[in-house]
Amino acid sequence: MMRWIGAAFVLALLCACNPSVQTASSPSPNPSPTSSALSLKISGHGTAARPVRFVAQQRSRVQYDLLASSFESIGAQGSARADFANVRVTFHGKDGSRLMAQSPQAIVDQSTNMIDMEGGVRAKNDNGTTLSCDTLQYDHATEMLYGTGHVVITSANGFRATGDRFESDISLTHTRMQ
């Protein structure tokens, strides 16, 4: 079922590239060059045993793996915005590090190339360092994390840092707190 939803999502996005697809805003058989792009609304629901899954890769390396109970995507290919509920994201750093983060909601925005996790984020890396904050933003292009609101980072040996904002790499080893 999830593969079908993923395949339907990809198929729908590919259809958005097809210039022969008719849109509601251009009923004529030969749309003018100024006609609007095809905007799609796609939604899906998973189960506890089989959540909705989206994986972002660059070349053959996974950058993040997102699991959610449901999603709704609106927009054209390249500028779609997808809203996810009950989210678990595993971010994979270039150095092999991983950060597993959870939040009630996440937004993946193709136009900004960002993931915004909202509603209270809890995360933990492979070394046992934990992170909590109100919102966590992941920049897909730079693979950097930005957190705001009640930020608490606690290392495996008990060192604790708090602040209102932070930025870091996936491993949470190069972190700047404010």
Foldseek 3Di string as FASTA:
>chain_A
DLVVLVVVVVVVQVVQVDPQDDDPQAPDNDRDPPGDGDKDKGKDAADPVGFRWDWDDDPNHTQKIKGAGMKIWIGHPQFIKMKGAFIWMWGAAPVRKIKIKTAGMWMQTSNQQKIKGADKMWMAIPQGKIWIAGIWMARNVVQKIKGAHFIWIAGPVGDIDTAGMKMGHRNRPDMDHD
